[in-house]
Structure formats: C-alpha cells, structure tokens
Amino acid sequence: MLRSMPVLLAAGLAAASGAALANDSSAELAAGGLIFVRNENVEMRSEDLTISAKEIVVRYRFFNKSAKDVTVLVAFPMPEIKIESMYQNISIPAEDPVNFLAFRTTVNGQPVTTKVEQRVYAAGLERTELLRSLNIPLAPHLRQTGEALDKLPKAKWDELIRIGLVEVETYDAGKGMQEHLAPRWALQTTFYWEQTFKAGAETAITHRYKPSVGASVQTSLGEPSQVDEDWYEEYRDKYCIEQDFYDAVERARREANSTFGAPFSEQRIEYVLKTGANWAGPIKQFRLVVDKGDPDSLVSFCGDDVRKISQTEFEMKETDFTPDDDLAVLILKRLPPQSPVEQSPPQAPVEQSPPQAPVEQSPSRRPSKK
C-alpha cells in the first residue's frame, strides 16, 4: 500500500482543484506505465520505476512460465489533453503533435516500432473524422490548430460551436480585437504493439518519456496569508507533507526576508501507478526511485521505508506489490539569491492529480528534514 505510511524526504527539503492556476503556473498531466492484456502464463518479476522532472523510466522483467510462446497486446495511454479556457496553461514537454511526451520503448534492448491511435471527443461523442475532413489538426494545444480553425468559413463555425467542439474567444492577435475559434475537444492518444513472450524465457521491457511537469515560478508555501487556505491542506494530503517540511520552507522564507512565499519554485509530477495493478497477480519486486534533481532542492511524496541513496535520489522497495493509489511528487527548487521573490505575492497553485512526500534522516514513518 503506497500511501499507508508516509515518509518525508527532504534534503537540506486527472481533475484540477477548485482554484484557477496563477498566471505564472502551468498544470501537470498525469501519465503512467504500460498496460498489458492479462495472461496467466506470464508473470511480472519486477518493475523498476525512476521519476525525475527530466524523464520517467520504467523497466519491467517478465517471465513466461509456460511451454508455448505467448503474444499479448501492450499499450501506453498518453494523458488526455483538453483546453477548457484561454487562461489554461498545460505543461506539454514535446512539440510533436502525436508523441508529445517523447515516448519510446525497447524490448531486450532493441527499439520497438509502435502503432498509435488518436481519437477526439466532444460532449461525449467521437468527432475524429469530422476534424480530419476539415483538415484540422487533432492536437488542441498547438498554435496551428487554432490557425486552421480560424480559416474555416463562417458557415462552419455555428456547426462546430453547436456540437461542443469549439468556442469563440475574442482577443487581439496583432490586428485589433477579433473573434477566434478555440478548440474545446479532448484528445486521447494511445501507443500500442503486440508483444511475444518466449516460452520459458525472461523478457525485459523498458519505456521512457518526458513527464508533463506542473510548475510555479515561486511557491506559495510558507506565505503566512495562505496557511489557512484550502489548497494548503490539499497539498498536505496529496504530497504527504509533514510539519518539519513546512518548518524548513518557513525558515527559508525568513532567511530570504520575503513577505510572501519561500524562495523556491515548484515542480509537480504525477504518475498513474494504479495501472501497475492490471497485471495478473502482484508485482513480485517493485522499486521506486525519485530524483529531485539538485542537492539543495526539497522533495515530498508518499512512501514506505524510503531511504536516501545519493545526494538527490530516494528509494522505496516493495515485495508482492499491488498499487492501490497513484503517485504525486512535489519538488521545490531553490531560487537564486538575485531572484525578486518579493515583487508580487504568488497565488495559490493548483494541481491535477494524486499525492506524496520525502527527508533524509529516518527512512520510516515521519522523519524530520534537514
């Protein structure tokens, strides 16, 4: 049970919450691991998961215990992308309209050629072929999608508005105030392939991608006026934040003579861990490593018996592991001394997924931080 006994690890530290993202913030999208069609003859011997703001890497080892080769479907669902307003800022790590997380995978060290399926939905109905017939890109977050919509004849505007695919926004794009069509559909993308597990043999599958990292230029944690706000409690639950973590943030704020938040920016990563429970039986050996990037960054997530294994990495191991919750990681990166931490009060950040937390002293229960 990932969240049963939270551990605070510090060093030296798919629904949004009610508030709106501040202008200096971007929201994260939650992705996860591979999904395998169940087969009683193939067991997952181990899963090794490494999470950082730069990359997520998952290494699996499978064993086919039967006397025959087994072929199953393997899929990687990308997070759904949906833009709901012109003020929404979502973190998309790659420009590729299809592979926007730079997903790639290998089997026994060899690259795998995957297929991909993309579908568009609005008001609960699939509208993929309609957009393609109009030569509209399916990715709602790309500039060229809005440009293609604006080129449609006015006669098409009413139809697309009526079925919930678009809304009209009015703004100045360099030619004065004008009306523009804004995409309001949801894009679902899935990579997949058929994998053969050889009889009586072990198969190693590795996949990696760039995470969608939510970010805030400056955290509001440590800001006295925010302590009683609802989002503060949400952070506590989501990232398993303990009081000593808050104390460390408050000390940093005082040392920086900041009236507002502490001198840290935020990075927020969400990982859909529950998909690991779709395999037949528990994961025999599970290992999680969270890398906070910089030695002077602070990190917080939920876990049992977490221990520090390097200046920036924290490790958790489980045997016969069946995940029943997802994982959220909060990283606070220290701002450089010259950063103007007091120019304007940071607003309450918002997030889009599940909780977690990290410190380097006792690796069990609720240790203190340094």
Protein backbone atom coordinates (compact mmCIF):
# COMPACT_ATOMS: atom_id res chain seq x y z
CA MET A 1 0.00 0.00 0.00
CA LEU A 2 1.91 3.01 -1.25
CA ARG A 3 0.26 5.62 0.94
CA SER A 4 -0.15 3.68 4.18
CA MET A 5 2.92 5.06 5.98
CA PRO A 6 4.06 8.40 4.53
CA VAL A 7 7.74 9.33 4.69
CA LEU A 8 9.04 12.88 4.40
CA LEU A 9 12.21 13.06 2.35
CA ALA A 10 13.94 16.39 2.30
CA ALA A 11 17.48 17.37 1.67
CA GLY A 12 18.98 20.39 3.21
CA LEU A 13 13.95 19.71 1.97
CA ALA A 14 -6.70 13.82 -13.88
CA ALA A 15 -9.01 16.74 -12.17
CA ALA A 16 -7.95 20.24 -11.09
CA SER A 17 -8.62 21.64 -7.67
CA GLY A 18 -11.13 24.40 -7.18
CA ALA A 19 -8.84 27.38 -7.66
CA ALA A 20 -7.55 28.55 -11.01
CA LEU A 21 -3.88 28.37 -11.91
CA ALA A 22 -1.94 31.53 -11.28
CA ASN A 23 -0.55 33.29 -14.34
CA ASP A 24 2.96 32.10 -13.55
CA SER A 25 1.92 28.45 -13.23
CA SER A 26 1.41 25.53 -15.56
CA ALA A 27 -0.59 22.40 -14.81
CA GLU A 28 0.79 18.87 -14.97
CA LEU A 29 -0.77 15.95 -16.83
CA ALA A 30 -0.66 12.50 -15.24
CA ALA A 31 0.79 9.63 -17.26
CA GLY A 32 1.78 6.17 -16.06
CA GLY A 33 3.24 2.87 -17.19
CA LEU A 34 2.42 0.27 -19.80
CA ILE A 35 -0.88 -1.62 -19.79
CA PHE A 36 -0.69 -5.32 -20.62
CA VAL A 37 -3.53 -7.64 -21.55
CA ARG A 38 -3.57 -10.18 -18.72
CA ASN A 39 -2.25 -13.67 -19.30
CA GLU A 40 -1.95 -16.29 -16.55
CA ASN A 41 1.23 -17.76 -18.07
CA VAL A 42 3.27 -14.54 -17.96
CA GLU A 43 4.33 -13.13 -14.60
CA MET A 44 5.84 -9.74 -13.83
CA ARG A 45 9.00 -10.47 -11.91
CA SER A 46 9.98 -6.87 -11.31
CA GLU A 47 9.16 -3.25 -12.04
CA ASP A 48 11.82 -0.57 -11.59
CA LEU A 49 10.41 2.98 -11.76
CA THR A 50 12.56 6.12 -11.80
CA ILE A 51 10.88 9.54 -11.63
CA SER A 52 12.52 12.92 -12.16
CA ALA A 53 11.48 16.23 -13.70
CA LYS A 54 13.56 15.39 -16.78
CA GLU A 55 12.49 11.82 -17.50
CA ILE A 56 10.42 8.88 -16.33
CA VAL A 57 11.92 5.44 -16.92
CA VAL A 58 10.16 2.15 -16.21
CA ARG A 59 11.97 -1.20 -16.51
CA TYR A 60 9.96 -4.44 -16.42
CA ARG A 61 11.10 -8.06 -16.28
CA PHE A 62 8.59 -10.71 -17.34
CA PHE A 63 8.80 -14.49 -17.33
CA ASN A 64 6.70 -16.83 -19.49
CA LYS A 65 6.35 -19.93 -17.34
CA SER A 66 4.51 -21.94 -20.00
CA ALA A 67 5.90 -24.23 -22.71
CA LYS A 68 4.44 -22.07 -25.51
CA ASP A 69 5.12 -18.55 -26.74
CA VAL A 70 2.52 -16.05 -25.57
CA THR A 71 1.54 -12.93 -27.51
CA VAL A 72 -0.36 -10.10 -25.79
CA LEU A 73 -1.31 -6.53 -26.58
CA VAL A 74 0.76 -3.84 -24.85
CA ALA A 75 -0.47 -0.23 -24.73
CA PHE A 76 0.73 3.11 -23.41
CA PRO A 77 -2.11 5.61 -22.97
CA MET A 78 -0.88 9.19 -23.09
CA PRO A 79 -2.64 11.69 -20.80
CA GLU A 80 -5.75 13.25 -22.27
CA ILE A 81 -5.34 16.82 -23.49
CA LYS A 82 -8.24 19.22 -23.22
CA ILE A 83 -8.08 23.01 -23.22
CA GLU A 84 -11.04 24.46 -21.33
CA SER A 85 -10.23 28.18 -21.41
CA MET A 86 -7.81 30.66 -22.93
CA TYR A 87 -6.23 31.12 -19.50
CA GLN A 88 -5.35 27.44 -19.08
CA ASN A 89 -1.64 26.66 -19.25
CA ILE A 90 -0.79 22.95 -19.53
CA SER A 91 2.76 21.61 -19.49
CA ILE A 92 3.44 19.76 -22.76
CA PRO A 93 7.11 18.67 -22.93
CA ALA A 94 7.46 17.94 -26.68
CA GLU A 95 6.26 19.76 -29.81
CA ASP A 96 5.35 16.55 -31.66
CA PRO A 97 1.54 16.66 -32.23
CA VAL A 98 1.30 12.89 -31.68
CA ASN A 99 4.20 11.84 -29.44
CA PHE A 100 4.03 14.87 -27.15
CA LEU A 101 5.75 13.04 -24.26
CA ALA A 102 8.62 11.77 -26.45
CA PHE A 103 7.61 8.18 -25.57
CA ARG A 104 9.93 5.36 -26.64
CA THR A 105 10.40 1.74 -25.66
CA THR A 106 12.77 -1.20 -26.07
CA VAL A 107 12.39 -4.96 -25.67
CA ASN A 108 15.52 -6.85 -24.65
CA GLY A 109 17.47 -3.74 -25.58
CA GLN A 110 16.02 -3.39 -29.09
CA PRO A 111 13.77 -0.45 -30.13
CA VAL A 112 10.11 -1.28 -30.66
CA THR A 113 8.06 0.11 -33.53
CA THR A 114 4.68 1.05 -32.10
CA LYS A 115 1.36 1.90 -33.66
CA VAL A 116 -0.66 4.88 -32.48
CA GLU A 117 -4.35 5.68 -32.23
CA GLN A 118 -5.72 9.16 -31.70
CA ARG A 119 -9.34 9.97 -31.01
CA VAL A 120 -11.16 13.28 -30.44
CA TYR A 121 -14.23 13.58 -28.22
CA ALA A 122 -16.64 16.44 -27.55
CA ALA A 123 -19.82 16.26 -25.47
CA GLY A 124 -19.25 12.52 -25.11
CA LEU A 125 -19.18 11.82 -28.86
CA GLU A 126 -16.25 10.95 -31.10
CA ARG A 127 -15.50 13.64 -33.68
CA THR A 128 -12.14 12.47 -35.05
CA GLU A 129 -13.16 12.00 -38.67
CA LEU A 130 -15.05 15.29 -38.74
CA LEU A 131 -11.90 17.22 -37.81
CA ARG A 132 -9.82 15.28 -40.31
CA SER A 133 -12.34 16.00 -43.06
CA LEU A 134 -11.87 19.71 -42.32
CA ASN A 135 -8.05 19.37 -42.27
CA ILE A 136 -7.96 20.48 -38.61
CA PRO A 137 -5.00 19.12 -36.56
CA LEU A 138 -6.18 16.90 -33.71
CA ALA A 139 -3.86 18.36 -31.06
CA PRO A 140 -5.89 21.15 -29.36
CA HIS A 141 -2.87 22.79 -27.71
CA LEU A 142 -0.92 23.63 -30.86
CA ARG A 143 -0.91 27.09 -32.44
CA GLN A 144 -1.52 25.65 -35.91
CA THR A 145 -4.77 24.10 -34.69
CA GLY A 146 -6.21 27.50 -33.79
CA GLU A 147 -4.93 28.96 -37.05
CA ALA A 148 -6.62 26.17 -39.05
CA LEU A 149 -9.90 26.73 -37.20
CA ASP A 150 -9.82 30.46 -37.96
CA LYS A 151 -9.50 29.69 -41.67
CA LEU A 152 -12.79 27.77 -41.74
CA PRO A 153 -15.71 29.51 -43.48
CA LYS A 154 -18.14 31.22 -41.11
CA ALA A 155 -20.83 28.75 -42.15
CA LYS A 156 -18.88 26.01 -40.37
CA TRP A 157 -18.42 27.97 -37.14
CA ASP A 158 -22.03 27.58 -35.94
CA GLU A 159 -21.99 23.81 -36.53
CA LEU A 160 -18.75 23.26 -34.59
CA ILE A 161 -19.97 25.51 -31.75
CA ARG A 162 -23.31 23.69 -31.59
CA ILE A 163 -21.72 20.24 -31.14
CA GLY A 164 -19.25 21.46 -28.50
CA LEU A 165 -16.03 21.17 -30.49
CA VAL A 166 -15.13 24.86 -30.23
CA GLU A 167 -15.90 28.13 -28.50
CA VAL A 168 -15.46 31.70 -29.69
CA GLU A 169 -12.80 33.78 -27.96
CA THR A 170 -12.22 37.49 -28.56
CA TYR A 171 -8.70 38.89 -28.33
CA ASP A 172 -6.13 40.97 -30.16
CA ALA A 173 -3.61 38.87 -32.12
CA GLY A 174 -1.98 41.91 -33.73
CA LYS A 175 -4.92 43.06 -35.87
CA GLY A 176 -7.16 44.54 -33.23
CA MET A 177 -9.87 42.74 -31.29
CA GLN A 178 -11.17 39.81 -33.32
CA GLU A 179 -13.17 36.64 -32.78
CA HIS A 180 -11.27 33.34 -32.96
CA LEU A 181 -12.34 29.71 -32.73
CA ALA A 182 -10.78 27.90 -29.77
CA PRO A 183 -10.67 24.07 -29.58
CA ARG A 184 -12.65 22.55 -26.72
CA TRP A 185 -12.36 18.86 -27.57
CA ALA A 186 -10.49 16.16 -25.68
CA LEU A 187 -7.64 14.36 -27.45
CA GLN A 188 -6.91 10.76 -26.45
CA THR A 189 -3.67 9.19 -27.73
CA THR A 190 -2.52 5.59 -27.24
CA PHE A 191 0.63 3.86 -28.45
CA TYR A 192 0.41 0.07 -28.73
CA TRP A 193 2.00 -3.07 -30.12
CA GLU A 194 1.75 -6.87 -29.84
CA GLN A 195 4.48 -8.43 -27.74
CA THR A 196 5.54 -12.07 -27.85
CA PHE A 197 6.94 -13.57 -24.65
CA LYS A 198 9.10 -16.58 -25.48
CA ALA A 199 8.31 -19.87 -23.73
CA GLY A 200 10.32 -20.45 -20.57
CA ALA A 201 12.22 -17.20 -21.02
CA GLU A 202 12.52 -13.79 -19.43
CA THR A 203 11.67 -10.64 -21.39
CA ALA A 204 12.91 -7.18 -20.43
CA ILE A 205 10.82 -4.18 -21.49
CA THR A 206 11.91 -0.59 -20.86
CA HIS A 207 9.97 2.51 -21.70
CA ARG A 208 10.75 6.14 -21.06
CA TYR A 209 9.21 9.53 -21.66
CA LYS A 210 9.37 13.17 -20.64
CA PRO A 211 6.85 13.93 -17.91
CA SER A 212 4.39 16.78 -18.02
CA VAL A 213 5.77 18.84 -15.14
CA GLY A 214 3.49 21.36 -13.48
CA ALA A 215 5.44 24.45 -12.47
CA SER A 216 5.09 27.67 -10.50
CA VAL A 217 7.68 30.44 -10.67
CA GLN A 218 7.51 30.80 -6.90
CA THR A 219 5.78 28.56 -4.38
CA SER A 220 3.12 29.97 -2.09
CA LEU A 221 4.15 27.52 0.60
CA GLY A 222 5.49 29.44 3.55
CA GLU A 223 3.41 32.53 2.80
CA PRO A 224 1.70 33.41 6.12
CA SER A 225 -1.53 34.61 4.49
CA GLN A 226 -2.00 31.30 2.67
CA VAL A 227 -1.70 28.89 5.62
CA ASP A 228 -5.45 28.71 6.24
CA GLU A 229 -6.41 28.36 2.56
CA ASP A 230 -7.98 25.09 1.35
CA TRP A 231 -5.19 24.40 -1.12
CA TYR A 232 -2.66 24.26 1.73
CA GLU A 233 -4.49 21.28 3.22
CA GLU A 234 -4.81 19.72 -0.24
CA TYR A 235 -1.05 19.90 -0.64
CA ARG A 236 -0.56 18.32 2.79
CA ASP A 237 -2.72 15.33 1.83
CA LYS A 238 -1.59 14.99 -1.76
CA TYR A 239 2.15 15.06 -1.11
CA CYS A 240 2.10 13.69 2.47
CA ILE A 241 3.76 16.89 3.71
CA GLU A 242 4.74 16.86 7.39
CA GLN A 243 5.21 19.83 9.71
CA ASP A 244 9.00 19.70 9.57
CA PHE A 245 8.80 20.21 5.81
CA TYR A 246 6.69 23.33 6.34
CA ASP A 247 9.12 24.47 9.03
CA ALA A 248 12.05 24.19 6.60
CA VAL A 249 10.15 26.21 3.99
CA GLU A 250 9.29 28.86 6.58
CA ARG A 251 12.93 29.13 7.68
CA ALA A 252 13.99 29.68 4.08
CA ARG A 253 11.34 32.40 3.70
CA ARG A 254 12.55 34.24 6.78
CA GLU A 255 16.21 33.94 5.74
CA ALA A 256 15.28 35.49 2.37
CA ASN A 257 13.38 38.33 4.10
CA SER A 258 10.38 37.51 1.89
CA THR A 259 6.98 38.85 2.85
CA PHE A 260 5.33 36.34 0.57
CA GLY A 261 6.28 32.76 -0.32
CA ALA A 262 9.59 31.00 0.30
CA PRO A 263 12.45 31.33 -2.24
CA PHE A 264 11.58 28.17 -4.16
CA SER A 265 9.92 27.43 -7.46
CA GLU A 266 7.66 24.38 -7.75
CA GLN A 267 7.80 21.29 -9.94
CA ARG A 268 4.86 18.88 -9.70
CA ILE A 269 4.88 15.40 -11.25
CA GLU A 270 2.01 12.93 -11.27
CA TYR A 271 2.32 9.24 -12.10
CA VAL A 272 -0.61 6.87 -12.64
CA LEU A 273 0.68 3.99 -10.57
CA LYS A 274 -2.59 2.06 -10.33
CA THR A 275 -2.20 0.78 -13.89
CA GLY A 276 0.52 -1.47 -12.48
CA ALA A 277 -2.26 -3.37 -10.73
CA ASN A 278 -3.74 -4.57 -14.02
CA TRP A 279 -1.26 -7.43 -14.23
CA ALA A 280 -2.24 -10.96 -13.16
CA GLY A 281 -1.08 -11.07 -9.55
CA PRO A 282 1.13 -8.65 -7.61
CA ILE A 283 4.45 -7.28 -8.83
CA LYS A 284 7.00 -9.62 -7.24
CA GLN A 285 9.70 -6.95 -6.84
CA PHE A 286 8.88 -3.25 -7.09
CA ARG A 287 11.43 -0.45 -6.82
CA LEU A 288 10.77 3.29 -6.94
CA VAL A 289 13.48 5.95 -7.21
CA VAL A 290 12.59 9.65 -7.03
CA ASP A 291 15.34 12.04 -8.15
CA LYS A 292 14.88 15.65 -7.01
CA GLY A 293 17.50 16.94 -9.44
CA ASP A 294 19.56 19.31 -7.29
CA PRO A 295 21.05 18.61 -3.85
CA ASP A 296 19.56 21.80 -2.42
CA SER A 297 16.05 21.11 -3.73
CA LEU A 298 13.31 19.83 -1.44
CA VAL A 299 11.10 16.88 -2.35
CA SER A 300 7.94 15.40 -0.86
CA PHE A 301 5.95 12.28 -1.77
CA CYS A 302 4.25 9.33 -0.04
CA GLY A 303 6.02 6.03 0.51
CA ASP A 304 7.03 3.34 2.97
CA ASP A 305 10.56 2.84 4.30
CA VAL A 306 12.09 5.33 1.89
CA ARG A 307 15.85 5.75 2.10
CA LYS A 308 18.32 8.19 0.58
CA ILE A 309 20.69 6.52 -1.90
CA SER A 310 22.50 9.57 -3.33
CA GLN A 311 22.61 13.35 -2.95
CA THR A 312 19.43 13.64 -4.99
CA GLU A 313 17.80 10.18 -5.07
CA PHE A 314 15.39 8.44 -2.71
CA GLU A 315 14.46 4.76 -2.99
CA MET A 316 11.49 2.65 -1.93
CA LYS A 317 11.24 -1.13 -2.38
CA GLU A 318 8.22 -3.43 -2.07
CA THR A 319 7.71 -7.19 -2.41
CA ASP A 320 4.49 -8.66 -3.85
CA PHE A 321 3.30 -5.14 -4.52
CA THR A 322 -0.19 -4.26 -5.73
CA PRO A 323 -0.52 -0.46 -6.11
CA ASP A 324 -3.88 0.89 -5.00
CA ASP A 325 -3.20 4.59 -5.45
CA ASP A 326 -1.35 6.96 -7.76
CA LEU A 327 1.80 8.92 -7.03
CA ALA A 328 2.39 12.66 -6.85
CA VAL A 329 5.78 14.26 -6.32
CA LEU A 330 6.42 17.85 -5.22
CA ILE A 331 9.88 19.30 -5.83
CA LEU A 332 10.84 22.74 -4.54
CA LYS A 333 13.83 24.20 -6.38
CA ARG A 334 15.69 26.97 -4.58
CA LEU A 335 15.61 30.28 -6.42
CA PRO A 336 18.95 32.02 -6.99
CA PRO A 337 19.71 34.80 -4.46
CA GLN A 338 19.14 37.56 -7.01
CA SER A 339 15.61 36.35 -7.76
CA PRO A 340 12.98 39.01 -6.97
CA VAL A 341 10.98 36.89 -4.52
CA GLU A 342 9.04 39.87 -3.18
CA GLN A 343 7.82 41.69 -6.27
CA SER A 344 4.28 40.32 -6.17
CA PRO A 345 2.51 37.84 -3.94
CA PRO A 346 2.36 34.37 -5.52
CA GLN A 347 -1.12 32.94 -5.95
CA ALA A 348 -2.35 29.61 -4.69
CA PRO A 349 -1.13 26.90 -7.04
CA VAL A 350 -3.48 24.27 -8.46
CA GLU A 351 -2.87 20.72 -9.38
CA GLN A 352 -4.22 17.88 -11.39
CA SER A 353 -3.61 14.56 -9.66
CA PRO A 354 -2.77 12.35 -6.60
CA PRO A 355 -0.34 12.86 -3.52
CA GLN A 356 3.06 12.02 -1.97
CA ALA A 357 6.28 13.14 0.19
CA PRO A 358 10.22 12.89 1.20
CA VAL A 359 13.77 13.66 4.25
CA GLU A 360 16.88 12.13 4.81
CA GLN A 361 17.04 11.05 8.39
CA SER A 362 14.84 8.20 9.48
CA PRO A 363 13.63 6.28 6.43
CA SER A 364 10.41 5.15 8.07
CA ARG A 365 7.20 6.79 9.16
CA ARG A 366 7.50 10.57 9.54
CA PRO A 367 11.13 11.66 9.83
CA SER A 368 12.37 15.21 10.14
CA LYS A 369 14.10 17.14 7.41
CA LYS A 370 17.40 18.89 7.03
